[in-house]
Amino acid sequence: MASTEGMLAVAVERLIGQQEIVVKPLPPPLSKPRGVLGTTILGDGRVVNILDVDDLVGQPGVNSSIAAVSGKVQEIPASSSQSPQILVVDDSYTIRQLLSLTLTRARYRVVQAKDGVDALEKLQNGLACSLAIVDIEMPRMDGFELLRSIRSTERFAKIPVAMLTSRSGEKHRQMAMELGANQYFTKPYSEAQLLQAIPKLIHQSII
């Protein structure tokens, strides 16, 4: 394979065969991971990832993340303890995991909470965070109730809070802002827009 670095070779364990496939892009809010072109569904119903080999071998510093001899992916170093910590509050396990993965890749530390009660308990137990990203519709304590509790508690009042919800109506947006939300995002969210806004939101907690 030719690249700007010269001729490269990719070693595989074995060749199984060749077939025509339909490439399906990853749906939002998933972002395209490095080296993955998309997915496809095989004849037996299995869903498999499609690797983008050109992307893998063409990335700068590829040797630092892919071991040339063993083929094992090296672990990404853990985020520094000095990096901002973000509290993700959502009753959807899938959303929590996807959002946490996005934030971790951006070198933020992440703590998850499954609803408002869980989040408030973590804060009361001493959790320090630079930003809370909060869903609205959750059991036990919804996002509005959590936001109200945060703003009415002196210890937490300065924590920036961004709402992330499927409620796109102006009524919910206005209520969130009146209760003290710093930002309002709707699902499905733009990963790029979210990551661009986070540093500005975190800066508000420092001022």
N, C-alpha and C. Protein backbone atom coordinates (compact mmCIF):
# COMPACT_ATOMS: atom_id res chain seq x y z
N MET A 1 0.85 -1.18 0.00
CA MET A 1 0.00 0.00 0.00
C MET A 1 0.89 1.23 0.00
N ALA A 2 0.60 2.18 -0.89
CA ALA A 2 1.40 3.39 -0.98
C ALA A 2 0.83 4.48 -0.09
N SER A 3 1.71 5.23 0.53
CA SER A 3 1.30 6.36 1.35
C SER A 3 2.38 7.41 1.29
N THR A 4 2.15 8.53 1.98
CA THR A 4 3.15 9.59 1.98
C THR A 4 4.43 9.15 2.68
N GLU A 5 4.34 8.08 3.49
CA GLU A 5 5.51 7.56 4.20
C GLU A 5 6.28 6.54 3.38
N GLY A 6 5.73 6.19 2.18
CA GLY A 6 6.35 5.16 1.37
C GLY A 6 5.42 3.98 1.21
N MET A 7 5.99 2.80 1.03
CA MET A 7 5.19 1.57 0.90
C MET A 7 4.95 0.97 2.27
N LEU A 8 3.70 0.65 2.55
CA LEU A 8 3.32 0.06 3.83
C LEU A 8 2.62 -1.26 3.61
N ALA A 9 2.74 -2.14 4.59
CA ALA A 9 2.07 -3.44 4.52
C ALA A 9 1.22 -3.63 5.76
N VAL A 10 0.08 -4.29 5.59
CA VAL A 10 -0.81 -4.60 6.71
C VAL A 10 -0.90 -6.11 6.85
N ALA A 11 -0.55 -6.62 8.02
CA ALA A 11 -0.58 -8.06 8.26
C ALA A 11 -1.93 -8.46 8.83
N VAL A 12 -2.55 -9.49 8.26
CA VAL A 12 -3.82 -10.02 8.76
C VAL A 12 -3.63 -11.50 9.07
N GLU A 13 -4.45 -12.00 9.98
CA GLU A 13 -4.32 -13.40 10.40
C GLU A 13 -4.70 -14.36 9.28
N ARG A 14 -5.81 -14.06 8.59
CA ARG A 14 -6.22 -14.91 7.47
C ARG A 14 -7.24 -14.18 6.61
N LEU A 15 -7.38 -14.61 5.38
CA LEU A 15 -8.38 -14.07 4.46
C LEU A 15 -9.55 -15.05 4.39
N ILE A 16 -10.75 -14.58 4.68
CA ILE A 16 -11.92 -15.46 4.71
C ILE A 16 -12.60 -15.52 3.35
N GLY A 17 -12.68 -14.39 2.69
CA GLY A 17 -13.36 -14.38 1.40
C GLY A 17 -13.65 -12.97 0.96
N GLN A 18 -14.44 -12.85 -0.08
CA GLN A 18 -14.77 -11.55 -0.64
C GLN A 18 -16.26 -11.51 -0.93
N GLN A 19 -16.90 -10.39 -0.62
CA GLN A 19 -18.33 -10.25 -0.90
C GLN A 19 -18.70 -8.79 -1.03
N GLU A 20 -19.80 -8.53 -1.72
CA GLU A 20 -20.31 -7.17 -1.84
C GLU A 20 -21.10 -6.82 -0.59
N ILE A 21 -20.91 -5.62 -0.09
CA ILE A 21 -21.59 -5.19 1.13
C ILE A 21 -22.16 -3.79 0.95
N VAL A 22 -23.09 -3.46 1.81
CA VAL A 22 -23.63 -2.10 1.87
C VAL A 22 -23.07 -1.45 3.11
N VAL A 23 -22.34 -0.37 2.92
CA VAL A 23 -21.73 0.33 4.05
C VAL A 23 -22.74 1.27 4.68
N LYS A 24 -22.95 1.08 5.98
CA LYS A 24 -23.87 1.94 6.72
C LYS A 24 -23.08 2.84 7.66
N PRO A 25 -23.25 4.15 7.56
CA PRO A 25 -22.53 5.05 8.47
C PRO A 25 -23.07 4.93 9.88
N LEU A 26 -22.24 5.27 10.86
CA LEU A 26 -22.68 5.24 12.26
C LEU A 26 -23.69 6.36 12.48
N PRO A 27 -24.81 6.05 13.15
CA PRO A 27 -25.85 7.07 13.36
C PRO A 27 -25.45 8.05 14.46
N PRO A 28 -26.00 9.27 14.41
CA PRO A 28 -25.77 10.21 15.52
C PRO A 28 -26.44 9.69 16.77
N PRO A 29 -25.90 9.95 17.99
CA PRO A 29 -24.79 10.88 18.24
C PRO A 29 -23.42 10.26 18.14
N LEU A 30 -23.33 9.04 17.55
CA LEU A 30 -22.03 8.41 17.42
C LEU A 30 -21.19 9.17 16.40
N SER A 31 -19.93 9.34 16.69
CA SER A 31 -19.01 9.97 15.76
C SER A 31 -18.15 8.88 15.13
N LYS A 32 -17.58 9.17 13.98
CA LYS A 32 -16.77 8.19 13.28
C LYS A 32 -15.44 7.99 14.01
N PRO A 33 -15.21 6.79 14.56
CA PRO A 33 -13.93 6.55 15.21
C PRO A 33 -12.82 6.48 14.17
N ARG A 34 -11.63 6.76 14.61
CA ARG A 34 -10.48 6.67 13.71
C ARG A 34 -10.34 5.25 13.19
N GLY A 35 -10.19 5.12 11.87
CA GLY A 35 -9.95 3.82 11.27
C GLY A 35 -11.19 2.98 11.02
N VAL A 36 -12.37 3.51 11.30
CA VAL A 36 -13.62 2.77 11.05
C VAL A 36 -14.42 3.49 9.97
N LEU A 37 -14.68 2.81 8.88
CA LEU A 37 -15.41 3.39 7.76
C LEU A 37 -16.91 3.41 8.02
N GLY A 38 -17.40 2.37 8.70
CA GLY A 38 -18.83 2.25 8.99
C GLY A 38 -19.13 0.84 9.44
N THR A 39 -20.35 0.38 9.22
CA THR A 39 -20.74 -0.97 9.60
C THR A 39 -21.50 -1.62 8.44
N THR A 40 -21.68 -2.92 8.53
CA THR A 40 -22.51 -3.63 7.57
C THR A 40 -23.17 -4.82 8.26
N ILE A 41 -24.24 -5.32 7.68
CA ILE A 41 -24.95 -6.48 8.22
C ILE A 41 -24.68 -7.68 7.31
N LEU A 42 -24.12 -8.72 7.88
CA LEU A 42 -23.82 -9.92 7.11
C LEU A 42 -25.08 -10.75 6.88
N GLY A 43 -24.94 -11.75 6.02
CA GLY A 43 -26.09 -12.57 5.67
C GLY A 43 -26.69 -13.32 6.85
N ASP A 44 -25.89 -13.61 7.87
CA ASP A 44 -26.40 -14.33 9.05
C ASP A 44 -26.93 -13.38 10.12
N GLY A 45 -26.99 -12.08 9.80
CA GLY A 45 -27.56 -11.13 10.75
C GLY A 45 -26.55 -10.44 11.63
N ARG A 46 -25.30 -10.84 11.56
CA ARG A 46 -24.28 -10.20 12.41
C ARG A 46 -23.95 -8.81 11.89
N VAL A 47 -23.73 -7.88 12.83
CA VAL A 47 -23.31 -6.52 12.49
C VAL A 47 -21.80 -6.44 12.72
N VAL A 48 -21.06 -6.02 11.70
CA VAL A 48 -19.60 -5.94 11.83
C VAL A 48 -19.12 -4.55 11.42
N ASN A 49 -18.00 -4.15 12.01
CA ASN A 49 -17.37 -2.89 11.65
C ASN A 49 -16.55 -3.06 10.38
N ILE A 50 -16.45 -2.00 9.60
CA ILE A 50 -15.63 -1.99 8.40
C ILE A 50 -14.44 -1.07 8.65
N LEU A 51 -13.25 -1.62 8.60
CA LEU A 51 -12.05 -0.83 8.87
C LEU A 51 -11.66 0.00 7.66
N ASP A 52 -11.20 1.20 7.92
CA ASP A 52 -10.66 2.08 6.89
C ASP A 52 -9.14 2.02 7.01
N VAL A 53 -8.54 1.12 6.27
CA VAL A 53 -7.10 0.86 6.41
C VAL A 53 -6.29 2.09 6.02
N ASP A 54 -6.72 2.81 4.99
CA ASP A 54 -6.01 4.03 4.59
C ASP A 54 -5.96 5.03 5.73
N ASP A 55 -7.07 5.13 6.46
CA ASP A 55 -7.14 6.05 7.59
C ASP A 55 -6.20 5.60 8.70
N LEU A 56 -6.15 4.30 8.95
CA LEU A 56 -5.30 3.77 10.01
C LEU A 56 -3.82 4.00 9.74
N VAL A 57 -3.37 3.69 8.55
CA VAL A 57 -1.94 3.79 8.26
C VAL A 57 -1.54 5.21 7.92
N GLY A 58 -2.49 6.07 7.58
CA GLY A 58 -2.16 7.42 7.18
C GLY A 58 -2.17 8.42 8.30
N GLN A 59 -2.59 8.00 9.51
CA GLN A 59 -2.66 8.93 10.64
C GLN A 59 -1.28 9.24 11.18
N PRO A 60 -1.00 10.52 11.48
CA PRO A 60 0.29 10.84 12.13
C PRO A 60 0.40 10.12 13.46
N GLY A 61 1.58 9.65 13.75
CA GLY A 61 1.82 9.00 15.04
C GLY A 61 1.15 7.65 15.15
N VAL A 62 0.87 7.01 14.00
CA VAL A 62 0.17 5.73 14.06
C VAL A 62 0.95 4.70 14.85
N ASN A 63 2.28 4.77 14.80
CA ASN A 63 3.08 3.77 15.51
C ASN A 63 2.95 3.89 17.02
N SER A 64 2.48 5.06 17.50
CA SER A 64 2.36 5.23 18.95
C SER A 64 1.10 4.58 19.48
N SER A 65 0.14 4.28 18.60
CA SER A 65 -1.11 3.70 19.07
C SER A 65 -1.33 2.28 18.57
N ILE A 66 -0.54 1.85 17.56
CA ILE A 66 -0.70 0.49 17.04
C ILE A 66 0.67 -0.18 17.05
N ALA A 67 0.73 -1.30 17.71
CA ALA A 67 2.01 -2.02 17.79
C ALA A 67 2.25 -2.75 16.48
N ALA A 68 3.37 -2.45 15.85
CA ALA A 68 3.61 -2.98 14.51
C ALA A 68 3.81 -4.49 14.51
N VAL A 69 4.41 -5.04 15.56
CA VAL A 69 4.70 -6.47 15.57
C VAL A 69 3.55 -7.27 16.12
N SER A 70 3.06 -6.91 17.31
CA SER A 70 2.04 -7.71 17.96
C SER A 70 0.66 -7.43 17.42
N GLY A 71 0.44 -6.23 16.86
CA GLY A 71 -0.87 -5.88 16.36
C GLY A 71 -1.83 -5.45 17.45
N LYS A 72 -1.37 -5.36 18.69
CA LYS A 72 -2.24 -4.99 19.80
C LYS A 72 -2.28 -3.48 19.93
N VAL A 73 -3.49 -2.98 20.19
CA VAL A 73 -3.63 -1.55 20.41
C VAL A 73 -3.17 -1.21 21.80
N GLN A 74 -2.29 -0.22 21.92
CA GLN A 74 -1.81 0.19 23.22
C GLN A 74 -2.86 1.03 23.91
N GLU A 75 -2.87 0.99 25.23
CA GLU A 75 -3.83 1.76 25.99
C GLU A 75 -3.50 3.24 25.90
N ILE A 76 -4.55 4.06 25.76
CA ILE A 76 -4.37 5.50 25.77
C ILE A 76 -4.08 5.92 27.20
N PRO A 77 -3.08 6.74 27.44
CA PRO A 77 -2.78 7.16 28.81
C PRO A 77 -3.98 7.80 29.47
N ALA A 78 -4.16 7.54 30.74
CA ALA A 78 -5.29 8.10 31.47
C ALA A 78 -5.17 9.61 31.52
N SER A 79 -6.32 10.27 31.56
CA SER A 79 -6.34 11.72 31.63
C SER A 79 -5.66 12.20 32.90
N SER A 80 -5.04 13.32 32.79
CA SER A 80 -4.36 13.89 33.95
C SER A 80 -5.36 14.21 35.04
N SER A 81 -4.92 14.08 36.29
CA SER A 81 -5.79 14.39 37.41
C SER A 81 -6.12 15.87 37.45
N GLN A 82 -5.37 16.67 36.68
CA GLN A 82 -5.63 18.11 36.63
C GLN A 82 -6.65 18.46 35.56
N SER A 83 -7.04 17.53 34.73
CA SER A 83 -8.01 17.84 33.68
C SER A 83 -9.39 18.02 34.30
N PRO A 84 -10.24 18.87 33.71
CA PRO A 84 -11.57 19.14 34.27
C PRO A 84 -12.41 17.87 34.38
N GLN A 85 -13.18 17.80 35.44
CA GLN A 85 -14.07 16.66 35.66
C GLN A 85 -15.51 17.06 35.36
N ILE A 86 -16.20 16.24 34.58
CA ILE A 86 -17.56 16.54 34.14
C ILE A 86 -18.51 15.49 34.68
N LEU A 87 -19.62 15.94 35.25
CA LEU A 87 -20.66 15.06 35.76
C LEU A 87 -21.73 14.89 34.69
N VAL A 88 -21.94 13.66 34.24
CA VAL A 88 -22.94 13.34 33.21
C VAL A 88 -24.14 12.70 33.90
N VAL A 89 -25.30 13.33 33.78
CA VAL A 89 -26.51 12.85 34.47
C VAL A 89 -27.57 12.51 33.45
N ASP A 90 -27.88 11.24 33.30
CA ASP A 90 -28.88 10.79 32.33
C ASP A 90 -29.35 9.41 32.73
N ASP A 91 -30.65 9.16 32.65
CA ASP A 91 -31.16 7.85 33.03
C ASP A 91 -30.93 6.80 31.95
N SER A 92 -30.53 7.22 30.75
CA SER A 92 -30.23 6.28 29.67
C SER A 92 -28.79 5.83 29.77
N TYR A 93 -28.59 4.54 30.00
CA TYR A 93 -27.23 3.99 30.09
C TYR A 93 -26.47 4.23 28.79
N THR A 94 -27.14 4.06 27.65
CA THR A 94 -26.49 4.23 26.36
C THR A 94 -25.99 5.65 26.16
N ILE A 95 -26.85 6.63 26.47
CA ILE A 95 -26.44 8.03 26.31
C ILE A 95 -25.28 8.35 27.24
N ARG A 96 -25.35 7.86 28.48
CA ARG A 96 -24.26 8.12 29.43
C ARG A 96 -22.94 7.57 28.89
N GLN A 97 -22.97 6.37 28.37
CA GLN A 97 -21.75 5.74 27.88
C GLN A 97 -21.21 6.46 26.66
N LEU A 98 -22.09 6.81 25.71
CA LEU A 98 -21.65 7.49 24.50
C LEU A 98 -21.06 8.86 24.82
N LEU A 99 -21.74 9.58 25.68
CA LEU A 99 -21.27 10.92 26.04
C LEU A 99 -19.96 10.83 26.82
N SER A 100 -19.88 9.87 27.72
CA SER A 100 -18.65 9.69 28.50
C SER A 100 -17.47 9.34 27.60
N LEU A 101 -17.72 8.52 26.59
CA LEU A 101 -16.66 8.15 25.64
C LEU A 101 -16.18 9.38 24.87
N THR A 102 -17.13 10.20 24.43
CA THR A 102 -16.78 11.43 23.72
C THR A 102 -15.93 12.35 24.59
N LEU A 103 -16.33 12.52 25.83
CA LEU A 103 -15.61 13.42 26.74
C LEU A 103 -14.25 12.86 27.13
N THR A 104 -14.17 11.55 27.33
CA THR A 104 -12.90 10.93 27.69
C THR A 104 -11.90 11.07 26.55
N ARG A 105 -12.36 10.90 25.32
CA ARG A 105 -11.48 11.08 24.16
C ARG A 105 -10.96 12.52 24.08
N ALA A 106 -11.77 13.44 24.56
CA ALA A 106 -11.37 14.86 24.56
C ALA A 106 -10.54 15.19 25.79
N ARG A 107 -10.14 14.17 26.58
CA ARG A 107 -9.25 14.31 27.73
C ARG A 107 -9.91 14.94 28.94
N TYR A 108 -11.22 14.78 29.07
CA TYR A 108 -11.89 15.19 30.30
C TYR A 108 -12.07 13.96 31.19
N ARG A 109 -12.12 14.19 32.50
CA ARG A 109 -12.49 13.12 33.43
C ARG A 109 -14.01 13.14 33.55
N VAL A 110 -14.60 11.96 33.70
CA VAL A 110 -16.06 11.85 33.68
C VAL A 110 -16.56 11.03 34.86
N VAL A 111 -17.63 11.52 35.48
CA VAL A 111 -18.37 10.77 36.49
C VAL A 111 -19.82 10.69 36.03
N GLN A 112 -20.40 9.50 36.12
CA GLN A 112 -21.78 9.31 35.65
C GLN A 112 -22.75 9.23 36.82
N ALA A 113 -23.97 9.71 36.58
CA ALA A 113 -25.07 9.58 37.53
C ALA A 113 -26.33 9.20 36.75
N LYS A 114 -27.11 8.27 37.31
CA LYS A 114 -28.26 7.74 36.57
C LYS A 114 -29.52 8.58 36.69
N ASP A 115 -29.56 9.52 37.64
CA ASP A 115 -30.69 10.44 37.77
C ASP A 115 -30.29 11.57 38.71
N GLY A 116 -31.24 12.47 38.98
CA GLY A 116 -30.94 13.62 39.82
C GLY A 116 -30.55 13.27 41.23
N VAL A 117 -31.21 12.27 41.81
CA VAL A 117 -30.90 11.85 43.18
C VAL A 117 -29.46 11.33 43.26
N ASP A 118 -29.10 10.50 42.31
CA ASP A 118 -27.75 9.95 42.27
C ASP A 118 -26.72 11.06 42.13
N ALA A 119 -27.00 12.03 41.25
CA ALA A 119 -26.07 13.14 41.03
C ALA A 119 -25.93 14.00 42.29
N LEU A 120 -27.05 14.30 42.94
CA LEU A 120 -27.02 15.14 44.13
C LEU A 120 -26.27 14.46 45.27
N GLU A 121 -26.45 13.15 45.40
CA GLU A 121 -25.72 12.39 46.43
C GLU A 121 -24.22 12.45 46.18
N LYS A 122 -23.82 12.34 44.93
CA LYS A 122 -22.39 12.41 44.60
C LYS A 122 -21.83 13.78 44.95
N LEU A 123 -22.56 14.83 44.64
CA LEU A 123 -22.11 16.19 44.96
C LEU A 123 -22.03 16.39 46.47
N GLN A 124 -23.03 15.91 47.19
CA GLN A 124 -23.05 16.06 48.64
C GLN A 124 -21.95 15.27 49.32
N ASN A 125 -21.51 14.20 48.65
CA ASN A 125 -20.43 13.37 49.20
C ASN A 125 -19.04 13.90 48.83
N GLY A 126 -18.99 15.08 48.22
CA GLY A 126 -17.71 15.72 47.97
C GLY A 126 -17.21 15.69 46.55
N LEU A 127 -18.02 15.22 45.59
CA LEU A 127 -17.59 15.20 44.20
C LEU A 127 -17.34 16.63 43.71
N ALA A 128 -16.16 16.86 43.18
CA ALA A 128 -15.84 18.17 42.60
C ALA A 128 -15.92 18.06 41.09
N CYS A 129 -16.70 18.92 40.47
CA CYS A 129 -16.81 18.88 39.02
C CYS A 129 -16.80 20.30 38.45
N SER A 130 -16.30 20.41 37.24
CA SER A 130 -16.21 21.71 36.56
C SER A 130 -17.42 21.98 35.69
N LEU A 131 -18.26 20.96 35.48
CA LEU A 131 -19.44 21.10 34.63
C LEU A 131 -20.36 19.91 34.87
N ALA A 132 -21.66 20.16 34.83
CA ALA A 132 -22.65 19.08 34.87
C ALA A 132 -23.46 19.12 33.58
N ILE A 133 -23.57 17.98 32.92
CA ILE A 133 -24.40 17.86 31.72
C ILE A 133 -25.60 17.01 32.12
N VAL A 134 -26.80 17.59 32.05
CA VAL A 134 -27.96 17.01 32.72
C VAL A 134 -29.13 16.80 31.76
N ASP A 135 -29.70 15.62 31.79
CA ASP A 135 -30.94 15.33 31.06
C ASP A 135 -32.11 15.94 31.84
N ILE A 136 -33.26 16.09 31.20
CA ILE A 136 -34.43 16.64 31.90
C ILE A 136 -35.32 15.53 32.44
N GLU A 137 -35.75 14.63 31.59
CA GLU A 137 -36.71 13.59 32.00
C GLU A 137 -35.98 12.40 32.61
N MET A 138 -36.04 12.31 33.95
CA MET A 138 -35.40 11.22 34.68
C MET A 138 -36.28 10.83 35.86
N PRO A 139 -36.21 9.58 36.30
CA PRO A 139 -36.99 9.16 37.47
C PRO A 139 -36.42 9.73 38.76
N ARG A 140 -37.22 9.67 39.82
CA ARG A 140 -36.86 10.10 41.17
C ARG A 140 -36.64 11.62 41.25
N MET A 141 -35.70 12.16 40.49
CA MET A 141 -35.49 13.61 40.45
C MET A 141 -35.11 13.99 39.03
N ASP A 142 -35.95 14.82 38.39
CA ASP A 142 -35.66 15.18 37.00
C ASP A 142 -34.61 16.28 36.93
N GLY A 143 -34.26 16.67 35.71
CA GLY A 143 -33.20 17.64 35.51
C GLY A 143 -33.52 19.02 36.06
N PHE A 144 -34.78 19.43 35.96
CA PHE A 144 -35.17 20.73 36.50
C PHE A 144 -35.02 20.76 38.02
N GLU A 145 -35.44 19.68 38.68
CA GLU A 145 -35.33 19.61 40.14
C GLU A 145 -33.86 19.60 40.57
N LEU A 146 -33.04 18.88 39.82
CA LEU A 146 -31.61 18.85 40.14
C LEU A 146 -31.00 20.23 39.95
N LEU A 147 -31.33 20.90 38.85
CA LEU A 147 -30.81 22.23 38.58
C LEU A 147 -31.23 23.20 39.69
N ARG A 148 -32.47 23.10 40.11
CA ARG A 148 -32.96 23.97 41.19
C ARG A 148 -32.18 23.72 42.48
N SER A 149 -31.91 22.45 42.79
CA SER A 149 -31.16 22.10 44.00
C SER A 149 -29.73 22.61 43.93
N ILE A 150 -29.11 22.49 42.76
CA ILE A 150 -27.73 22.96 42.60
C ILE A 150 -27.65 24.46 42.79
N ARG A 151 -28.55 25.20 42.18
CA ARG A 151 -28.52 26.66 42.27
C ARG A 151 -28.89 27.18 43.66
N SER A 152 -29.63 26.40 44.43
CA SER A 152 -30.04 26.85 45.76
C SER A 152 -29.10 26.41 46.87
N THR A 153 -28.06 25.67 46.50
CA THR A 153 -27.06 25.21 47.47
C THR A 153 -25.76 25.96 47.25
N GLU A 154 -25.31 26.68 48.24
CA GLU A 154 -24.14 27.55 48.09
C GLU A 154 -22.91 26.81 47.60
N ARG A 155 -22.70 25.58 48.08
CA ARG A 155 -21.52 24.80 47.70
C ARG A 155 -21.49 24.48 46.21
N PHE A 156 -22.68 24.34 45.60
CA PHE A 156 -22.76 23.89 44.20
C PHE A 156 -23.19 24.99 43.24
N ALA A 157 -23.58 26.13 43.78
CA ALA A 157 -24.27 27.14 42.97
C ALA A 157 -23.48 27.62 41.75
N LYS A 158 -22.15 27.58 41.85
CA LYS A 158 -21.34 28.10 40.75
C LYS A 158 -20.98 27.04 39.70
N ILE A 159 -21.45 25.81 39.89
CA ILE A 159 -21.17 24.76 38.90
C ILE A 159 -21.96 25.04 37.62
N PRO A 160 -21.30 25.19 36.48
CA PRO A 160 -22.04 25.38 35.23
C PRO A 160 -22.87 24.14 34.91
N VAL A 161 -24.08 24.34 34.44
CA VAL A 161 -24.98 23.23 34.12
C VAL A 161 -25.47 23.38 32.68
N ALA A 162 -25.24 22.36 31.89
CA ALA A 162 -25.75 22.32 30.52
C ALA A 162 -26.83 21.24 30.44
N MET A 163 -27.99 21.60 29.97
CA MET A 163 -29.07 20.63 29.81
C MET A 163 -28.90 19.93 28.46
N LEU A 164 -29.07 18.62 28.45
CA LEU A 164 -28.99 17.83 27.22
C LEU A 164 -30.23 16.95 27.17
N THR A 165 -31.18 17.29 26.32
CA THR A 165 -32.49 16.67 26.38
C THR A 165 -33.12 16.54 24.99
N SER A 166 -34.10 15.66 24.90
CA SER A 166 -34.86 15.53 23.65
C SER A 166 -35.98 16.57 23.57
N ARG A 167 -36.20 17.29 24.66
CA ARG A 167 -37.23 18.33 24.69
C ARG A 167 -36.72 19.59 23.98
N SER A 168 -37.18 19.81 22.77
CA SER A 168 -36.67 20.92 21.97
C SER A 168 -37.59 22.14 21.99
N GLY A 169 -38.72 22.05 22.71
CA GLY A 169 -39.65 23.16 22.75
C GLY A 169 -39.13 24.36 23.49
N GLU A 170 -39.62 25.54 23.12
CA GLU A 170 -39.18 26.78 23.74
C GLU A 170 -39.57 26.84 25.21
N LYS A 171 -40.68 26.19 25.57
CA LYS A 171 -41.14 26.20 26.96
C LYS A 171 -40.10 25.57 27.88
N HIS A 172 -39.58 24.41 27.49
CA HIS A 172 -38.59 23.73 28.32
C HIS A 172 -37.27 24.49 28.33
N ARG A 173 -36.88 25.03 27.19
CA ARG A 173 -35.65 25.80 27.11
C ARG A 173 -35.72 27.03 28.03
N GLN A 174 -36.85 27.74 27.97
CA GLN A 174 -37.01 28.93 28.79
C GLN A 174 -37.00 28.61 30.27
N MET A 175 -37.67 27.49 30.64
CA MET A 175 -37.69 27.09 32.04
C MET A 175 -36.29 26.77 32.55
N ALA A 176 -35.51 26.07 31.70
CA ALA A 176 -34.14 25.71 32.09
C ALA A 176 -33.29 26.96 32.31
N MET A 177 -33.42 27.93 31.43
CA MET A 177 -32.62 29.14 31.55
C MET A 177 -33.05 29.96 32.77
N GLU A 178 -34.35 29.97 33.06
CA GLU A 178 -34.85 30.70 34.23
C GLU A 178 -34.35 30.07 35.53
N LEU A 179 -34.16 28.74 35.51
CA LEU A 179 -33.68 28.04 36.70
C LEU A 179 -32.16 28.16 36.86
N GLY A 180 -31.49 28.68 35.83
CA GLY A 180 -30.06 28.91 35.95
C GLY A 180 -29.17 28.04 35.08
N ALA A 181 -29.73 27.39 34.06
CA ALA A 181 -28.90 26.60 33.15
C ALA A 181 -27.98 27.53 32.36
N ASN A 182 -26.78 27.07 32.09
CA ASN A 182 -25.83 27.87 31.32
C ASN A 182 -25.91 27.62 29.83
N GLN A 183 -26.42 26.45 29.45
CA GLN A 183 -26.52 26.09 28.03
C GLN A 183 -27.61 25.05 27.88
N TYR A 184 -28.17 24.95 26.68
CA TYR A 184 -29.27 24.02 26.42
C TYR A 184 -29.00 23.33 25.09
N PHE A 185 -28.79 22.00 25.15
CA PHE A 185 -28.56 21.20 23.95
C PHE A 185 -29.71 20.21 23.78
N THR A 186 -30.04 19.91 22.54
CA THR A 186 -31.11 18.94 22.28
C THR A 186 -30.55 17.69 21.62
N LYS A 187 -31.16 16.56 21.90
CA LYS A 187 -30.79 15.29 21.29
C LYS A 187 -31.56 15.11 19.99
N PRO A 188 -30.97 14.51 18.95
CA PRO A 188 -29.56 14.09 18.89
C PRO A 188 -28.66 15.32 18.82
N TYR A 189 -27.58 15.30 19.61
CA TYR A 189 -26.72 16.46 19.72
C TYR A 189 -25.56 16.39 18.74
N SER A 190 -25.01 17.55 18.45
CA SER A 190 -23.82 17.63 17.61
C SER A 190 -22.59 17.50 18.52
N GLU A 191 -21.82 16.45 18.31
CA GLU A 191 -20.63 16.24 19.14
C GLU A 191 -19.66 17.40 19.01
N ALA A 192 -19.48 17.89 17.78
CA ALA A 192 -18.55 19.00 17.56
C ALA A 192 -19.02 20.26 18.28
N GLN A 193 -20.30 20.53 18.21
CA GLN A 193 -20.86 21.72 18.86
C GLN A 193 -20.71 21.61 20.38
N LEU A 194 -20.97 20.42 20.91
CA LEU A 194 -20.86 20.21 22.35
C LEU A 194 -19.43 20.41 22.83
N LEU A 195 -18.48 19.79 22.14
CA LEU A 195 -17.08 19.90 22.54
C LEU A 195 -16.56 21.33 22.40
N GLN A 196 -17.09 22.05 21.44
CA GLN A 196 -16.68 23.44 21.27
C GLN A 196 -17.20 24.32 22.40
N ALA A 197 -18.38 23.99 22.92
CA ALA A 197 -18.99 24.81 23.97
C ALA A 197 -18.42 24.52 25.36
N ILE A 198 -17.94 23.30 25.59
CA ILE A 198 -17.54 22.89 26.93
C ILE A 198 -16.45 23.77 27.54
N PRO A 199 -15.36 24.11 26.83
CA PRO A 199 -14.33 24.96 27.46
C PRO A 199 -14.90 26.30 27.93
N LYS A 200 -15.80 26.89 27.17
CA LYS A 200 -16.42 28.17 27.57
C LYS A 200 -17.27 27.98 28.82
N LEU A 201 -17.99 26.85 28.89
CA LEU A 201 -18.82 26.58 30.05
C LEU A 201 -17.97 26.37 31.30
N ILE A 202 -16.89 25.61 31.15
CA ILE A 202 -16.00 25.35 32.28
C ILE A 202 -15.35 26.65 32.76
N HIS A 203 -15.03 27.52 31.84
CA HIS A 203 -14.42 28.80 32.20
C HIS A 203 -15.33 29.63 33.10
N GLN A 204 -16.65 29.45 32.94
CA GLN A 204 -17.60 30.19 33.75
C GLN A 204 -17.49 29.80 35.22
N SER A 205 -17.06 28.57 35.49
CA SER A 205 -16.93 28.13 36.89
C SER A 205 -15.67 28.68 37.52
N ILE A 206 -14.72 29.13 36.70
CA ILE A 206 -13.45 29.63 37.20
C ILE A 206 -13.56 31.12 37.52
N ILE A 207 -14.38 31.83 36.74
CA ILE A 207 -14.51 33.27 36.92
C ILE A 207 -15.09 33.61 38.29
